[in-house]
Amino acid sequence: MNTIQEGSFLTLHYRLAGPDGADVINTFAGPPATLSLGAGQLAPAMERRLLGLAEGARQTFSLAAGEAFGERSPELLQRVKRSLLTELGDPDADYQLGDVVQFPTPDGQGHYAGVVREVGEGWLLFDFNHPLAGQPVSFEVQVIGIL
């Protein structure tokens, strides 16, 4: 029987739900996902739950608060001057609470996101924590194929 191992290439359906049970991601109603285990496409705690599952398996896992996306870190709340936002992005942007803003990585090769938490005179407070950091999640999976 073919089971999931480190480095396996998978086709699967999965559902990730937050602490309120609402779907964050759900592929069951559409095409399945394909991923390579260990490539960082899923949180390591979720990948560990997949190890040893066989083709056709369907399981739901509960991950404790902080296990899937880490604990919330106060260091990831940062004030950013509006002048920097103007320099990096749209100078006419009107930022509101809850807006998600993309920032370039220092090497310019990628992006990371922050959520506007406060708007002040000449600055905005961004939360760079993962939205599910410090929260329990539910992870349901149905393994379709393993290579």
N, C-alpha and C. Protein backbone atom coordinates (compact mmCIF):
# COMPACT_ATOMS: atom_id res chain seq x y z
N MET A 1 0.84 -1.18 0.00
CA MET A 1 0.00 0.00 0.00
C MET A 1 0.89 1.24 0.00
N ASN A 2 0.55 2.18 -0.87
CA ASN A 2 1.32 3.41 -1.01
C ASN A 2 0.93 4.39 0.10
N THR A 3 1.92 4.82 0.89
CA THR A 3 1.66 5.77 1.98
C THR A 3 2.52 7.02 1.81
N ILE A 4 2.09 8.09 2.43
CA ILE A 4 2.80 9.37 2.33
C ILE A 4 4.09 9.32 3.14
N GLN A 5 5.18 9.70 2.48
CA GLN A 5 6.50 9.76 3.10
C GLN A 5 7.06 11.17 2.90
N GLU A 6 8.16 11.48 3.57
CA GLU A 6 8.86 12.75 3.33
C GLU A 6 9.16 12.85 1.83
N GLY A 7 8.88 13.99 1.23
CA GLY A 7 9.18 14.21 -0.18
C GLY A 7 8.14 13.67 -1.15
N SER A 8 7.08 13.04 -0.65
CA SER A 8 6.03 12.53 -1.54
C SER A 8 5.38 13.67 -2.30
N PHE A 9 4.99 13.39 -3.53
CA PHE A 9 4.21 14.31 -4.34
C PHE A 9 2.77 13.85 -4.20
N LEU A 10 1.86 14.77 -3.80
CA LEU A 10 0.50 14.40 -3.44
C LEU A 10 -0.56 15.09 -4.27
N THR A 11 -1.65 14.39 -4.47
CA THR A 11 -2.89 14.99 -4.95
C THR A 11 -3.88 14.74 -3.84
N LEU A 12 -4.52 15.81 -3.39
CA LEU A 12 -5.44 15.67 -2.26
C LEU A 12 -6.45 16.81 -2.23
N HIS A 13 -7.52 16.54 -1.51
CA HIS A 13 -8.45 17.60 -1.14
C HIS A 13 -8.14 17.93 0.31
N TYR A 14 -8.25 19.20 0.65
CA TYR A 14 -8.09 19.55 2.04
C TYR A 14 -8.94 20.76 2.40
N ARG A 15 -9.20 20.84 3.68
CA ARG A 15 -9.99 21.94 4.24
C ARG A 15 -9.28 22.41 5.50
N LEU A 16 -9.05 23.70 5.58
CA LEU A 16 -8.48 24.31 6.78
C LEU A 16 -9.53 25.24 7.34
N ALA A 17 -9.88 25.05 8.59
CA ALA A 17 -10.89 25.88 9.25
C ALA A 17 -10.30 26.53 10.49
N GLY A 18 -10.70 27.76 10.72
CA GLY A 18 -10.27 28.51 11.90
C GLY A 18 -11.02 28.07 13.13
N PRO A 19 -10.77 28.73 14.26
CA PRO A 19 -11.38 28.32 15.53
C PRO A 19 -12.91 28.42 15.54
N ASP A 20 -13.46 29.25 14.66
CA ASP A 20 -14.92 29.38 14.60
C ASP A 20 -15.55 28.35 13.66
N GLY A 21 -14.72 27.49 13.05
CA GLY A 21 -15.22 26.46 12.13
C GLY A 21 -15.39 26.94 10.71
N ALA A 22 -15.18 28.23 10.45
CA ALA A 22 -15.32 28.77 9.10
C ALA A 22 -14.13 28.35 8.24
N ASP A 23 -14.42 28.01 6.98
CA ASP A 23 -13.37 27.62 6.05
C ASP A 23 -12.42 28.77 5.78
N VAL A 24 -11.12 28.46 5.81
CA VAL A 24 -10.09 29.37 5.37
C VAL A 24 -9.71 28.96 3.95
N ILE A 25 -9.56 27.65 3.76
CA ILE A 25 -9.29 27.05 2.45
C ILE A 25 -10.12 25.77 2.40
N ASN A 26 -10.74 25.53 1.23
CA ASN A 26 -11.50 24.30 1.06
C ASN A 26 -11.47 23.92 -0.42
N THR A 27 -10.78 22.82 -0.73
CA THR A 27 -10.68 22.37 -2.12
C THR A 27 -11.71 21.29 -2.46
N PHE A 28 -12.51 20.84 -1.49
CA PHE A 28 -13.43 19.73 -1.72
C PHE A 28 -14.47 20.02 -2.80
N ALA A 29 -14.83 21.27 -3.00
CA ALA A 29 -15.86 21.60 -3.99
C ALA A 29 -15.28 21.85 -5.39
N GLY A 30 -13.97 21.83 -5.51
CA GLY A 30 -13.34 22.12 -6.79
C GLY A 30 -12.25 21.11 -7.10
N PRO A 31 -11.30 21.52 -7.92
CA PRO A 31 -10.20 20.61 -8.25
C PRO A 31 -9.31 20.36 -7.03
N PRO A 32 -8.72 19.18 -6.93
CA PRO A 32 -7.84 18.89 -5.80
C PRO A 32 -6.53 19.67 -5.90
N ALA A 33 -5.85 19.74 -4.79
CA ALA A 33 -4.54 20.40 -4.73
C ALA A 33 -3.46 19.37 -5.04
N THR A 34 -2.36 19.84 -5.58
CA THR A 34 -1.18 19.01 -5.75
C THR A 34 -0.04 19.72 -5.05
N LEU A 35 0.76 18.96 -4.34
CA LEU A 35 1.88 19.56 -3.61
C LEU A 35 2.95 18.53 -3.36
N SER A 36 4.11 19.03 -3.05
CA SER A 36 5.25 18.20 -2.71
C SER A 36 5.51 18.35 -1.21
N LEU A 37 5.42 17.25 -0.49
CA LEU A 37 5.62 17.30 0.96
C LEU A 37 7.04 17.75 1.27
N GLY A 38 7.16 18.75 2.12
CA GLY A 38 8.47 19.28 2.50
C GLY A 38 8.86 20.52 1.72
N ALA A 39 8.03 20.93 0.75
CA ALA A 39 8.36 22.11 -0.06
C ALA A 39 7.83 23.40 0.56
N GLY A 40 7.17 23.30 1.72
CA GLY A 40 6.68 24.49 2.40
C GLY A 40 5.32 24.97 1.94
N GLN A 41 4.59 24.14 1.20
CA GLN A 41 3.27 24.54 0.73
C GLN A 41 2.22 24.43 1.84
N LEU A 42 2.49 23.61 2.82
CA LEU A 42 1.65 23.49 4.01
C LEU A 42 2.52 23.74 5.23
N ALA A 43 1.90 24.17 6.32
CA ALA A 43 2.63 24.35 7.57
C ALA A 43 3.23 23.01 8.00
N PRO A 44 4.43 23.01 8.57
CA PRO A 44 5.07 21.75 8.99
C PRO A 44 4.18 20.88 9.88
N ALA A 45 3.42 21.47 10.79
CA ALA A 45 2.55 20.69 11.66
C ALA A 45 1.48 19.95 10.87
N MET A 46 1.00 20.55 9.79
CA MET A 46 0.01 19.88 8.95
C MET A 46 0.67 18.78 8.12
N GLU A 47 1.87 19.05 7.62
CA GLU A 47 2.59 18.03 6.86
C GLU A 47 2.86 16.80 7.72
N ARG A 48 3.23 17.00 8.98
CA ARG A 48 3.51 15.85 9.87
C ARG A 48 2.28 14.96 10.02
N ARG A 49 1.09 15.58 10.03
CA ARG A 49 -0.15 14.80 10.16
C ARG A 49 -0.39 13.90 8.94
N LEU A 50 0.17 14.29 7.80
CA LEU A 50 -0.04 13.52 6.57
C LEU A 50 0.85 12.27 6.48
N LEU A 51 1.99 12.31 7.16
CA LEU A 51 2.94 11.18 7.07
C LEU A 51 2.27 9.87 7.46
N GLY A 52 2.44 8.87 6.62
CA GLY A 52 1.90 7.54 6.90
C GLY A 52 0.48 7.32 6.40
N LEU A 53 -0.21 8.37 5.96
CA LEU A 53 -1.56 8.17 5.42
C LEU A 53 -1.48 7.48 4.07
N ALA A 54 -2.47 6.63 3.80
CA ALA A 54 -2.51 5.88 2.55
C ALA A 54 -3.43 6.56 1.54
N GLU A 55 -3.26 6.20 0.27
CA GLU A 55 -4.18 6.68 -0.76
C GLU A 55 -5.60 6.33 -0.35
N GLY A 56 -6.52 7.27 -0.52
CA GLY A 56 -7.91 7.05 -0.16
C GLY A 56 -8.26 7.44 1.26
N ALA A 57 -7.26 7.67 2.09
CA ALA A 57 -7.53 8.04 3.49
C ALA A 57 -8.22 9.39 3.56
N ARG A 58 -9.13 9.50 4.51
CA ARG A 58 -9.78 10.80 4.79
C ARG A 58 -9.82 10.95 6.30
N GLN A 59 -9.17 12.03 6.77
CA GLN A 59 -9.08 12.27 8.21
C GLN A 59 -9.19 13.75 8.52
N THR A 60 -9.58 14.02 9.75
CA THR A 60 -9.62 15.39 10.24
C THR A 60 -8.73 15.46 11.47
N PHE A 61 -7.89 16.49 11.51
CA PHE A 61 -6.96 16.70 12.62
C PHE A 61 -7.25 18.03 13.28
N SER A 62 -7.15 18.07 14.58
CA SER A 62 -7.25 19.32 15.33
C SER A 62 -5.85 19.72 15.76
N LEU A 63 -5.47 20.93 15.43
CA LEU A 63 -4.15 21.44 15.81
C LEU A 63 -4.35 22.51 16.89
N ALA A 64 -3.60 22.39 17.95
CA ALA A 64 -3.71 23.29 19.09
C ALA A 64 -3.34 24.72 18.73
N ALA A 65 -3.77 25.64 19.54
CA ALA A 65 -3.47 27.06 19.33
C ALA A 65 -1.97 27.24 19.13
N GLY A 66 -1.60 27.89 18.05
CA GLY A 66 -0.19 28.17 17.77
C GLY A 66 0.57 27.06 17.09
N GLU A 67 0.02 25.87 17.04
CA GLU A 67 0.76 24.73 16.47
C GLU A 67 0.93 24.85 14.96
N ALA A 68 -0.09 25.28 14.26
CA ALA A 68 -0.01 25.33 12.80
C ALA A 68 0.72 26.57 12.29
N PHE A 69 0.45 27.73 12.89
CA PHE A 69 0.98 28.99 12.36
C PHE A 69 1.76 29.80 13.40
N GLY A 70 2.19 29.14 14.47
CA GLY A 70 2.98 29.79 15.49
C GLY A 70 2.15 30.66 16.43
N GLU A 71 2.80 31.13 17.45
CA GLU A 71 2.14 32.03 18.41
C GLU A 71 2.17 33.44 17.86
N ARG A 72 1.26 34.26 18.32
CA ARG A 72 1.27 35.68 17.94
C ARG A 72 2.49 36.34 18.58
N SER A 73 3.16 37.17 17.81
CA SER A 73 4.36 37.83 18.29
C SER A 73 4.14 39.34 18.32
N PRO A 74 4.30 39.97 19.49
CA PRO A 74 4.17 41.42 19.56
C PRO A 74 5.20 42.15 18.71
N GLU A 75 6.34 41.51 18.45
CA GLU A 75 7.37 42.13 17.61
C GLU A 75 6.92 42.28 16.16
N LEU A 76 5.88 41.54 15.78
CA LEU A 76 5.40 41.62 14.40
C LEU A 76 4.31 42.68 14.23
N LEU A 77 4.10 43.47 15.26
CA LEU A 77 3.26 44.68 15.15
C LEU A 77 4.22 45.84 14.98
N GLN A 78 4.15 46.51 13.83
CA GLN A 78 5.13 47.56 13.55
C GLN A 78 4.46 48.78 12.93
N ARG A 79 4.93 49.94 13.39
CA ARG A 79 4.47 51.20 12.81
C ARG A 79 5.30 51.47 11.56
N VAL A 80 4.60 51.91 10.52
CA VAL A 80 5.26 52.26 9.26
C VAL A 80 4.85 53.68 8.90
N LYS A 81 5.84 54.50 8.59
CA LYS A 81 5.56 55.89 8.21
C LYS A 81 4.84 55.93 6.86
N ARG A 82 3.88 56.84 6.76
CA ARG A 82 3.17 57.01 5.48
C ARG A 82 4.13 57.36 4.36
N SER A 83 5.20 58.09 4.68
CA SER A 83 6.17 58.46 3.63
C SER A 83 6.81 57.22 3.01
N LEU A 84 7.06 56.19 3.82
CA LEU A 84 7.61 54.95 3.29
C LEU A 84 6.57 54.23 2.42
N LEU A 85 5.31 54.24 2.85
CA LEU A 85 4.25 53.62 2.06
C LEU A 85 4.10 54.32 0.71
N THR A 86 4.24 55.63 0.72
CA THR A 86 4.16 56.41 -0.52
C THR A 86 5.32 56.04 -1.44
N GLU A 87 6.48 55.88 -0.85
CA GLU A 87 7.68 55.52 -1.63
C GLU A 87 7.56 54.11 -2.22
N LEU A 88 7.01 53.16 -1.45
CA LEU A 88 6.95 51.77 -1.88
C LEU A 88 5.73 51.43 -2.73
N GLY A 89 4.69 52.26 -2.63
CA GLY A 89 3.45 51.88 -3.31
C GLY A 89 2.75 53.04 -3.96
N ASP A 90 1.44 53.02 -3.88
CA ASP A 90 0.59 54.02 -4.49
C ASP A 90 0.56 55.28 -3.61
N PRO A 91 1.05 56.41 -4.10
CA PRO A 91 1.07 57.62 -3.28
C PRO A 91 -0.32 58.15 -2.94
N ASP A 92 -1.34 57.71 -3.67
CA ASP A 92 -2.71 58.17 -3.42
C ASP A 92 -3.55 57.16 -2.64
N ALA A 93 -2.93 56.11 -2.15
CA ALA A 93 -3.67 55.06 -1.44
C ALA A 93 -4.30 55.62 -0.17
N ASP A 94 -5.50 55.14 0.11
CA ASP A 94 -6.22 55.51 1.32
C ASP A 94 -6.36 54.24 2.15
N TYR A 95 -5.58 54.11 3.20
CA TYR A 95 -5.55 52.89 3.99
C TYR A 95 -6.63 52.90 5.07
N GLN A 96 -7.31 51.77 5.21
CA GLN A 96 -8.38 51.61 6.19
C GLN A 96 -8.03 50.44 7.12
N LEU A 97 -8.62 50.42 8.30
CA LEU A 97 -8.43 49.30 9.21
C LEU A 97 -8.84 48.01 8.51
N GLY A 98 -8.00 46.99 8.66
CA GLY A 98 -8.28 45.69 8.06
C GLY A 98 -7.71 45.50 6.67
N ASP A 99 -7.24 46.57 6.04
CA ASP A 99 -6.63 46.43 4.71
C ASP A 99 -5.39 45.56 4.80
N VAL A 100 -5.18 44.74 3.78
CA VAL A 100 -3.98 43.92 3.67
C VAL A 100 -3.07 44.60 2.65
N VAL A 101 -1.85 44.89 3.06
CA VAL A 101 -0.90 45.61 2.21
C VAL A 101 0.31 44.72 1.97
N GLN A 102 0.73 44.64 0.71
CA GLN A 102 1.91 43.86 0.33
C GLN A 102 3.16 44.73 0.42
N PHE A 103 4.21 44.18 1.01
CA PHE A 103 5.50 44.85 1.11
C PHE A 103 6.55 43.99 0.41
N PRO A 104 7.52 44.62 -0.26
CA PRO A 104 8.58 43.82 -0.88
C PRO A 104 9.56 43.31 0.18
N THR A 105 10.10 42.13 -0.05
CA THR A 105 11.14 41.61 0.83
C THR A 105 12.40 42.44 0.62
N PRO A 106 13.32 42.45 1.60
CA PRO A 106 14.54 43.26 1.46
C PRO A 106 15.33 42.97 0.18
N ASP A 107 15.28 41.71 -0.30
CA ASP A 107 16.02 41.37 -1.51
C ASP A 107 15.24 41.70 -2.78
N GLY A 108 13.99 42.15 -2.63
CA GLY A 108 13.17 42.51 -3.77
C GLY A 108 12.63 41.34 -4.56
N GLN A 109 12.88 40.11 -4.09
CA GLN A 109 12.47 38.91 -4.83
C GLN A 109 11.08 38.41 -4.48
N GLY A 110 10.52 38.89 -3.39
CA GLY A 110 9.22 38.39 -2.96
C GLY A 110 8.43 39.47 -2.25
N HIS A 111 7.35 39.04 -1.61
CA HIS A 111 6.48 39.96 -0.88
C HIS A 111 6.04 39.32 0.43
N TYR A 112 5.64 40.15 1.35
CA TYR A 112 4.99 39.69 2.58
C TYR A 112 3.87 40.68 2.86
N ALA A 113 2.90 40.24 3.65
CA ALA A 113 1.70 41.06 3.85
C ALA A 113 1.56 41.48 5.31
N GLY A 114 0.97 42.65 5.47
CA GLY A 114 0.63 43.16 6.79
C GLY A 114 -0.79 43.69 6.78
N VAL A 115 -1.47 43.57 7.91
CA VAL A 115 -2.84 44.05 8.05
C VAL A 115 -2.83 45.35 8.84
N VAL A 116 -3.53 46.36 8.32
CA VAL A 116 -3.62 47.65 9.01
C VAL A 116 -4.45 47.47 10.28
N ARG A 117 -3.86 47.77 11.45
CA ARG A 117 -4.54 47.65 12.74
C ARG A 117 -4.87 49.01 13.35
N GLU A 118 -4.05 50.04 13.05
CA GLU A 118 -4.31 51.40 13.54
C GLU A 118 -3.85 52.39 12.48
N VAL A 119 -4.55 53.51 12.42
CA VAL A 119 -4.16 54.59 11.53
C VAL A 119 -3.90 55.82 12.38
N GLY A 120 -2.67 56.32 12.32
CA GLY A 120 -2.30 57.49 13.10
C GLY A 120 -1.89 58.65 12.21
N GLU A 121 -1.51 59.73 12.82
CA GLU A 121 -1.05 60.90 12.09
C GLU A 121 0.34 60.62 11.53
N GLY A 122 0.42 60.36 10.22
CA GLY A 122 1.70 60.13 9.57
C GLY A 122 2.22 58.70 9.68
N TRP A 123 1.44 57.79 10.24
CA TRP A 123 1.89 56.40 10.37
C TRP A 123 0.70 55.44 10.38
N LEU A 124 0.99 54.17 10.13
CA LEU A 124 0.01 53.10 10.25
C LEU A 124 0.64 51.97 11.04
N LEU A 125 -0.14 51.31 11.86
CA LEU A 125 0.33 50.14 12.61
C LEU A 125 -0.08 48.91 11.82
N PHE A 126 0.91 48.09 11.45
CA PHE A 126 0.67 46.86 10.70
C PHE A 126 0.91 45.65 11.58
N ASP A 127 0.10 44.64 11.36
CA ASP A 127 0.27 43.34 12.02
C ASP A 127 0.78 42.38 10.97
N PHE A 128 2.01 41.91 11.16
CA PHE A 128 2.64 40.99 10.21
C PHE A 128 2.54 39.54 10.68
N ASN A 129 1.79 39.27 11.76
CA ASN A 129 1.53 37.89 12.18
C ASN A 129 0.63 37.21 11.15
N HIS A 130 0.76 35.90 11.03
CA HIS A 130 -0.18 35.15 10.20
C HIS A 130 -1.56 35.34 10.81
N PRO A 131 -2.61 35.48 10.00
CA PRO A 131 -3.95 35.69 10.56
C PRO A 131 -4.41 34.60 11.53
N LEU A 132 -3.89 33.39 11.40
CA LEU A 132 -4.28 32.29 12.29
C LEU A 132 -3.23 32.01 13.37
N ALA A 133 -2.23 32.88 13.50
CA ALA A 133 -1.22 32.69 14.55
C ALA A 133 -1.90 32.70 15.92
N GLY A 134 -1.50 31.75 16.75
CA GLY A 134 -2.01 31.68 18.11
C GLY A 134 -3.42 31.12 18.22
N GLN A 135 -3.94 30.56 17.13
CA GLN A 135 -5.31 30.05 17.15
C GLN A 135 -5.33 28.56 16.81
N PRO A 136 -6.28 27.83 17.38
CA PRO A 136 -6.44 26.43 16.99
C PRO A 136 -7.09 26.35 15.62
N VAL A 137 -6.73 25.32 14.86
CA VAL A 137 -7.32 25.11 13.54
C VAL A 137 -7.69 23.65 13.37
N SER A 138 -8.57 23.42 12.41
CA SER A 138 -8.97 22.07 12.03
C SER A 138 -8.47 21.84 10.61
N PHE A 139 -7.90 20.67 10.37
CA PHE A 139 -7.31 20.32 9.08
C PHE A 139 -7.89 18.99 8.64
N GLU A 140 -8.73 19.03 7.60
CA GLU A 140 -9.33 17.81 7.05
C GLU A 140 -8.66 17.51 5.72
N VAL A 141 -8.37 16.25 5.49
CA VAL A 141 -7.68 15.87 4.26
C VAL A 141 -8.26 14.57 3.70
N GLN A 142 -8.30 14.49 2.36
CA GLN A 142 -8.63 13.25 1.66
C GLN A 142 -7.51 13.03 0.64
N VAL A 143 -6.76 11.96 0.82
CA VAL A 143 -5.62 11.66 -0.05
C VAL A 143 -6.13 10.97 -1.30
N ILE A 144 -5.85 11.58 -2.45
CA ILE A 144 -6.29 11.02 -3.72
C ILE A 144 -5.18 10.21 -4.38
N GLY A 145 -3.98 10.76 -4.42
CA GLY A 145 -2.87 10.06 -5.04
C GLY A 145 -1.54 10.41 -4.41
N ILE A 146 -0.60 9.46 -4.46
CA ILE A 146 0.74 9.64 -3.89
C ILE A 146 1.76 9.17 -4.91
N LEU A 147 2.75 10.00 -5.18
CA LEU A 147 3.86 9.59 -6.05
C LEU A 147 5.14 9.63 -5.25
